[in-house]
Amino acid sequence: ISNIPSSPLLCMAASSSSPSSSPLSQNNCSNNSILSRKTALVRDFRSSRRRRRRRHRGYHQSAIVDTKAVTIIYVDPTGEEFEANAEVGKNLLDVAHDNNIELEGACGGELACATCHLVFDEEMFDTLDEKDPEEDDMLDLAFELTDTSRLGCQIKIREDMAGMKVKIPDDGY
């Protein structure tokens, strides 16, 4: 019996059995050793979770490191302006969400709705990439559609957009 390795389960069995005359209880099994093993396991588990948490990116965080950022100004339907820091390469929907600006984006930027509808100034609109036919179809569902309307999920931030103003239309805001 003295060759039986000490394990938490055997220690628990020894501690719940009859008095200390049991050979298992003499096998260096005590409640303190169980607690110290359990504490070490919990500490290891927590530290591994912290390491994993540090590597995790949030839903709207970019994997791009050391990128340039520009300031974009969102104008809500009441005329109030909100400045937003925007990483070059992100889309306007994600920038709004990153800066706690109310722009719905119900489909999560999958081009399946028109809730991230934005209105651009004429000069900036002329510099944007051409609309895909799918974006045009979705814009047909938008309220307050204008000739300079686009979906925020389809517009990527460029450096020349610094200081640009985009209007959030009153889509039931």
Protein backbone atom coordinates (compact mmCIF):
# COMPACT_ATOMS: atom_id res chain seq x y z
CA ILE A 1 0.00 0.00 0.00
CA SER A 2 2.90 2.35 0.53
CA ASN A 3 3.55 2.31 -3.25
CA ILE A 4 0.22 4.03 -4.00
CA PRO A 5 0.94 7.51 -5.35
CA SER A 6 -0.55 10.42 -3.50
CA SER A 7 -3.32 12.19 -5.44
CA PRO A 8 -6.08 14.58 -4.44
CA LEU A 9 -8.72 11.86 -4.88
CA LEU A 10 -6.84 9.39 -2.70
CA CYS A 11 -6.23 12.09 -0.13
CA MET A 12 -9.94 12.88 -0.05
CA ALA A 13 -10.75 9.19 0.33
CA ALA A 14 -8.26 8.91 3.17
CA SER A 15 -9.57 11.96 4.96
CA SER A 16 -13.19 10.79 4.72
CA SER A 17 -12.42 7.23 5.90
CA SER A 18 -11.87 6.13 9.45
CA PRO A 19 -9.24 7.49 11.83
CA SER A 20 -5.63 8.20 11.11
CA SER A 21 -4.67 4.53 11.39
CA SER A 22 -5.36 4.16 7.66
CA PRO A 23 -2.21 3.64 5.58
CA LEU A 24 -3.46 6.24 3.08
CA SER A 25 -3.57 8.96 5.69
CA GLN A 26 0.08 8.29 6.44
CA ASN A 27 0.99 8.69 2.76
CA ASN A 28 1.67 12.43 3.09
CA CYS A 29 -1.97 13.26 2.40
CA SER A 30 -3.40 16.11 4.37
CA ASN A 31 -6.04 18.71 3.84
CA ASN A 32 -3.31 21.34 3.57
CA SER A 33 -1.64 19.54 0.67
CA ILE A 34 -4.99 19.26 -1.12
CA LEU A 35 -5.63 22.98 -0.63
CA SER A 36 -2.16 23.94 -1.81
CA ARG A 37 -2.53 21.81 -4.96
CA LYS A 38 -5.97 23.26 -5.64
CA THR A 39 -4.67 26.80 -5.09
CA ALA A 40 -1.79 26.20 -7.51
CA LEU A 41 -4.18 24.82 -10.17
CA VAL A 42 -6.54 27.80 -9.83
CA ARG A 43 -3.60 30.25 -10.00
CA ASP A 44 -2.30 28.57 -13.17
CA PHE A 45 -5.77 28.62 -14.74
CA ARG A 46 -6.30 32.31 -13.95
CA SER A 47 -2.91 33.35 -15.28
CA SER A 48 -3.51 31.46 -18.53
CA ARG A 49 -6.87 33.25 -18.89
CA ARG A 50 -5.14 36.61 -18.41
CA ARG A 51 -2.61 35.77 -21.11
CA ARG A 52 -5.42 34.79 -23.46
CA ARG A 53 -7.41 37.91 -22.62
CA ARG A 54 -4.48 40.16 -23.51
CA ARG A 55 -4.31 38.64 -26.98
CA HIS A 56 -8.07 38.88 -27.61
CA ARG A 57 -9.30 41.68 -29.84
CA GLY A 58 -12.71 43.19 -29.28
CA TYR A 59 -15.42 43.11 -31.92
CA HIS A 60 -14.61 46.52 -33.37
CA GLN A 61 -10.88 46.64 -32.72
CA SER A 62 -8.46 46.51 -35.58
CA ALA A 63 -5.52 44.13 -35.87
CA ILE A 64 -3.55 46.87 -37.62
CA VAL A 65 -0.79 48.28 -35.45
CA ASP A 66 0.83 51.73 -35.76
CA THR A 67 -1.51 53.03 -38.46
CA LYS A 68 -2.30 56.59 -39.27
CA ALA A 69 -5.46 58.10 -37.91
CA VAL A 70 -7.57 61.00 -39.10
CA THR A 71 -10.45 62.93 -37.57
CA ILE A 72 -13.91 62.42 -39.04
CA ILE A 73 -16.89 64.54 -37.98
CA TYR A 74 -20.31 62.88 -37.78
CA VAL A 75 -23.31 65.23 -37.79
CA ASP A 76 -26.46 63.77 -36.24
CA PRO A 77 -29.98 64.70 -37.41
CA THR A 78 -30.24 67.44 -34.77
CA GLY A 79 -27.10 69.12 -36.14
CA GLU A 80 -24.84 68.14 -33.25
CA GLU A 81 -21.31 67.28 -34.35
CA PHE A 82 -19.20 64.41 -32.99
CA GLU A 83 -15.49 64.13 -33.69
CA ALA A 84 -14.16 60.62 -34.15
CA ASN A 85 -10.63 59.28 -34.41
CA ALA A 86 -10.52 56.98 -37.42
CA GLU A 87 -7.79 54.55 -38.40
CA VAL A 88 -6.97 54.64 -42.08
CA GLY A 89 -8.41 51.50 -43.67
CA LYS A 90 -11.40 51.07 -41.34
CA ASN A 91 -14.93 51.64 -42.56
CA LEU A 92 -17.15 54.49 -41.35
CA LEU A 93 -19.56 52.13 -39.57
CA ASP A 94 -16.80 50.62 -37.41
CA VAL A 95 -15.34 54.07 -36.71
CA ALA A 96 -18.74 55.27 -35.47
CA HIS A 97 -19.10 52.26 -33.19
CA ASP A 98 -15.52 52.60 -31.90
CA ASN A 99 -16.28 56.21 -30.94
CA ASN A 100 -19.74 55.53 -29.43
CA ILE A 101 -21.57 57.40 -32.17
CA GLU A 102 -25.12 56.26 -32.77
CA LEU A 103 -25.10 54.65 -36.21
CA GLU A 104 -27.02 51.41 -36.18
CA GLY A 105 -25.47 49.01 -38.70
CA ALA A 106 -27.99 46.23 -37.98
CA CYS A 107 -26.33 43.72 -40.33
CA GLY A 108 -22.87 44.25 -38.86
CA GLY A 109 -21.47 45.63 -42.10
CA GLU A 110 -22.51 42.68 -44.27
CA LEU A 111 -24.30 44.83 -46.87
CA ALA A 112 -27.69 43.44 -45.93
CA CYS A 113 -29.45 46.58 -44.68
CA ALA A 114 -29.36 50.37 -45.00
CA THR A 115 -29.10 51.34 -41.33
CA CYS A 116 -25.56 52.77 -41.72
CA HIS A 117 -26.76 55.22 -44.39
CA LEU A 118 -24.68 58.42 -44.49
CA VAL A 119 -24.87 61.59 -46.58
CA PHE A 120 -21.62 63.12 -47.89
CA ASP A 121 -20.65 66.57 -49.13
CA GLU A 122 -20.60 66.78 -52.93
CA GLU A 123 -16.81 67.26 -53.12
CA MET A 124 -16.04 64.24 -50.92
CA PHE A 125 -18.68 62.09 -52.59
CA ASP A 126 -16.95 62.59 -55.95
CA THR A 127 -13.70 61.13 -54.54
CA LEU A 128 -15.31 57.91 -53.23
CA ASP A 129 -15.04 54.58 -55.03
CA GLU A 130 -17.92 53.56 -57.26
CA LYS A 131 -20.95 51.92 -55.61
CA ASP A 132 -21.48 48.21 -56.07
CA PRO A 133 -24.88 47.23 -57.44
CA GLU A 134 -25.61 45.50 -54.10
CA GLU A 135 -25.01 48.77 -52.23
CA ASP A 136 -27.32 50.59 -54.65
CA ASP A 137 -30.03 48.00 -53.97
CA MET A 138 -29.69 48.46 -50.21
CA LEU A 139 -29.73 52.26 -50.53
CA ASP A 140 -33.14 51.98 -52.19
CA LEU A 141 -34.42 50.94 -48.73
CA ALA A 142 -32.95 53.99 -46.94
CA PHE A 143 -34.91 56.99 -45.69
CA GLU A 144 -33.93 60.50 -46.83
CA LEU A 145 -31.95 59.15 -49.78
CA THR A 146 -29.91 61.80 -51.61
CA ASP A 147 -27.61 61.83 -54.63
CA THR A 148 -24.63 61.74 -52.22
CA SER A 149 -25.86 58.89 -50.02
CA ARG A 150 -23.65 55.90 -49.29
CA LEU A 151 -23.55 53.08 -46.74
CA GLY A 152 -20.97 53.64 -44.01
CA CYS A 153 -19.95 49.98 -44.00
CA GLN A 154 -18.72 50.32 -47.60
CA ILE A 155 -16.57 53.44 -47.21
CA LYS A 156 -12.96 52.90 -46.11
CA ILE A 157 -11.11 55.72 -44.38
CA ARG A 158 -8.31 57.36 -46.38
CA GLU A 159 -5.80 59.98 -45.26
CA ASP A 160 -7.36 62.64 -47.50
CA MET A 161 -10.62 62.30 -45.53
CA ALA A 162 -9.16 64.15 -42.51
CA GLY A 163 -11.72 66.67 -41.23
CA MET A 164 -14.50 65.27 -43.44
CA LYS A 165 -18.09 65.75 -42.26
CA VAL A 166 -20.72 63.09 -42.85
CA LYS A 167 -24.38 63.53 -42.01
CA ILE A 168 -26.39 60.82 -40.29
CA PRO A 169 -29.88 61.17 -41.78
CA ASP A 170 -33.01 61.02 -39.65
CA ASP A 171 -33.83 57.37 -40.24
CA GLY A 172 -36.08 57.25 -37.20
CA TYR A 173 -33.18 58.47 -35.02
